[in-house]
């Protein structure tokens, strides 16, 4: 019989993933737990969305205070978050189904009063 020295994986309750924002086919954004934890987004419960047509990128401005046009983020006990964004997709003539899936984020601004992240959409 052959001898092995296994290191057993026991982290069944934890999620091991990179910070990502997902786009659903039904016009909503999802914030995975890794993203929420990395940036402390539960302290920033409001979200203002922007679209850069030239770069085909979506901007996510997370804020502590509700500003004009800001959406509320619903957070779960497992630290993920979601927000419905149907009007954003309609106004910018974006088809959420075309871009649905998980997207890597880029940091634009990370400050104590606001966090701005960006997602580059595929062409």
Protein backbone atom coordinates (compact mmCIF):
# COMPACT_ATOMS: atom_id res chain seq x y z
CA UNK A 1 0.00 0.00 0.00
CA UNK A 2 1.29 3.48 -0.94
CA UNK A 3 1.64 6.23 1.71
CA UNK A 4 0.16 9.71 1.12
CA UNK A 5 0.32 12.90 3.16
CA UNK A 6 -3.00 14.56 2.34
CA UNK A 7 -3.88 18.06 3.49
CA UNK A 8 -7.67 17.90 3.79
CA UNK A 9 -9.81 20.81 2.58
CA UNK A 10 -12.41 21.68 5.23
CA UNK A 11 -13.58 25.20 4.34
CA UNK A 12 -17.01 24.10 3.11
CA UNK A 13 -18.85 27.18 4.39
CA UNK A 14 -16.52 29.76 2.83
CA UNK A 15 -16.50 31.19 -0.66
CA UNK A 16 -13.16 31.48 -2.38
CA UNK A 17 -13.53 33.91 -5.22
CA UNK A 18 -12.28 37.18 -6.63
CA UNK A 19 -14.28 40.39 -6.17
CA UNK A 20 -16.80 40.56 -9.01
CA UNK A 21 -19.94 42.32 -10.14
CA UNK A 22 -22.45 40.23 -12.00
CA UNK A 23 -25.07 41.33 -14.49
CA UNK A 24 -28.24 39.28 -14.61
CA UNK A 25 -30.46 38.79 -17.64
CA UNK A 26 -33.28 40.51 -15.73
CA UNK A 27 -31.49 43.87 -15.45
CA UNK A 28 -29.93 43.69 -12.01
CA UNK A 29 -26.42 43.88 -10.63
CA UNK A 30 -25.06 41.41 -8.11
CA UNK A 31 -22.14 42.12 -5.79
CA UNK A 32 -20.38 39.00 -4.62
CA UNK A 33 -19.34 38.61 -0.98
CA UNK A 34 -15.65 38.97 -1.85
CA UNK A 35 -16.34 42.43 -3.34
CA UNK A 36 -18.55 43.54 -0.45
CA UNK A 37 -15.96 42.45 2.12
CA UNK A 38 -12.89 43.82 0.30
CA UNK A 39 -14.33 47.33 0.02
CA UNK A 40 -16.54 47.32 3.14
CA UNK A 41 -19.57 48.06 0.96
CA UNK A 42 -22.10 47.51 3.73
CA UNK A 43 -20.95 50.97 4.90
CA UNK A 44 -21.92 52.30 1.43
CA UNK A 45 -25.57 51.24 1.00
CA UNK A 46 -26.32 53.52 -1.98
CA UNK A 47 -25.22 53.16 -5.57
CA UNK A 48 -25.11 55.63 -8.43
CA UNK A 49 -24.58 54.10 -11.87
CA UNK A 50 -22.82 55.68 -14.83
CA UNK A 51 -22.06 54.59 -18.38
CA UNK A 52 -19.03 55.55 -20.49
CA UNK A 53 -20.18 54.94 -24.05
CA UNK A 54 -16.71 55.46 -25.57
CA UNK A 55 -15.07 52.87 -23.32
CA UNK A 56 -18.19 50.70 -23.07
CA UNK A 57 -17.82 50.63 -19.30
CA UNK A 58 -20.21 50.87 -16.37
CA UNK A 59 -19.26 52.97 -13.35
CA UNK A 60 -20.42 52.07 -9.85
CA UNK A 61 -20.29 54.90 -7.32
CA UNK A 62 -20.91 53.51 -3.84
CA UNK A 63 -22.01 56.18 -1.37
CA UNK A 64 -22.80 56.46 2.33
CA UNK A 65 -25.57 59.01 1.78
CA UNK A 66 -28.47 58.70 -0.67
CA UNK A 67 -27.94 61.21 -3.48
CA UNK A 68 -30.11 62.09 -6.47
CA UNK A 69 -30.66 59.03 -8.63
CA UNK A 70 -28.93 56.67 -6.20
CA UNK A 71 -30.23 53.13 -5.83
CA UNK A 72 -30.43 51.21 -2.58
CA UNK A 73 -28.37 48.05 -2.30
CA UNK A 74 -29.95 45.03 -0.62
CA UNK A 75 -27.34 43.07 1.33
CA UNK A 76 -27.73 39.47 2.46
CA UNK A 77 -26.49 37.84 5.67
CA UNK A 78 -23.76 36.17 3.60
CA UNK A 79 -22.46 39.64 2.58
CA UNK A 80 -23.50 39.62 -1.08
CA UNK A 81 -25.58 42.48 -2.47
CA UNK A 82 -28.00 43.20 -5.29
CA UNK A 83 -29.80 46.11 -6.89
CA UNK A 84 -32.41 46.31 -9.63
CA UNK A 85 -31.23 48.49 -12.50
CA UNK A 86 -33.81 48.11 -15.26
CA UNK A 87 -34.09 51.84 -15.94
CA UNK A 88 -30.29 52.16 -16.23
CA UNK A 89 -30.17 49.49 -18.92
CA UNK A 90 -33.16 50.96 -20.78
CA UNK A 91 -31.87 54.54 -20.65
CA UNK A 92 -28.43 53.51 -21.98
CA UNK A 93 -29.86 51.08 -24.55
CA UNK A 94 -27.89 48.19 -23.07
CA UNK A 95 -29.09 44.61 -23.35
CA UNK A 96 -28.41 43.02 -19.95
CA UNK A 97 -28.79 39.55 -21.48
CA UNK A 98 -25.88 40.29 -23.84
CA UNK A 99 -23.57 41.18 -20.94
CA UNK A 100 -24.90 38.77 -18.31
CA UNK A 101 -22.31 37.00 -16.21
CA UNK A 102 -19.59 37.83 -13.70
CA UNK A 103 -17.23 40.73 -14.43
CA UNK A 104 -13.87 41.77 -12.97
CA UNK A 105 -13.86 45.25 -11.45
CA UNK A 106 -11.32 48.04 -11.79
CA UNK A 107 -10.69 50.55 -8.99
CA UNK A 108 -11.24 54.19 -9.94
CA UNK A 109 -11.52 55.91 -6.55
CA UNK A 110 -11.35 54.40 -3.07
CA UNK A 111 -11.90 56.99 -0.35
CA UNK A 112 -13.62 57.12 3.00
CA UNK A 113 -16.65 58.96 1.60
CA UNK A 114 -17.12 57.05 -1.66
CA UNK A 115 -15.85 54.14 -3.71
CA UNK A 116 -15.97 54.14 -7.50
CA UNK A 117 -15.44 50.91 -9.39
CA UNK A 118 -15.73 50.17 -13.11
CA UNK A 119 -16.65 47.16 -15.23
CA UNK A 120 -15.47 47.05 -18.82
CA UNK A 121 -18.13 45.39 -20.95
CA UNK A 122 -17.14 43.10 -23.79
CA UNK A 123 -17.45 44.68 -27.24
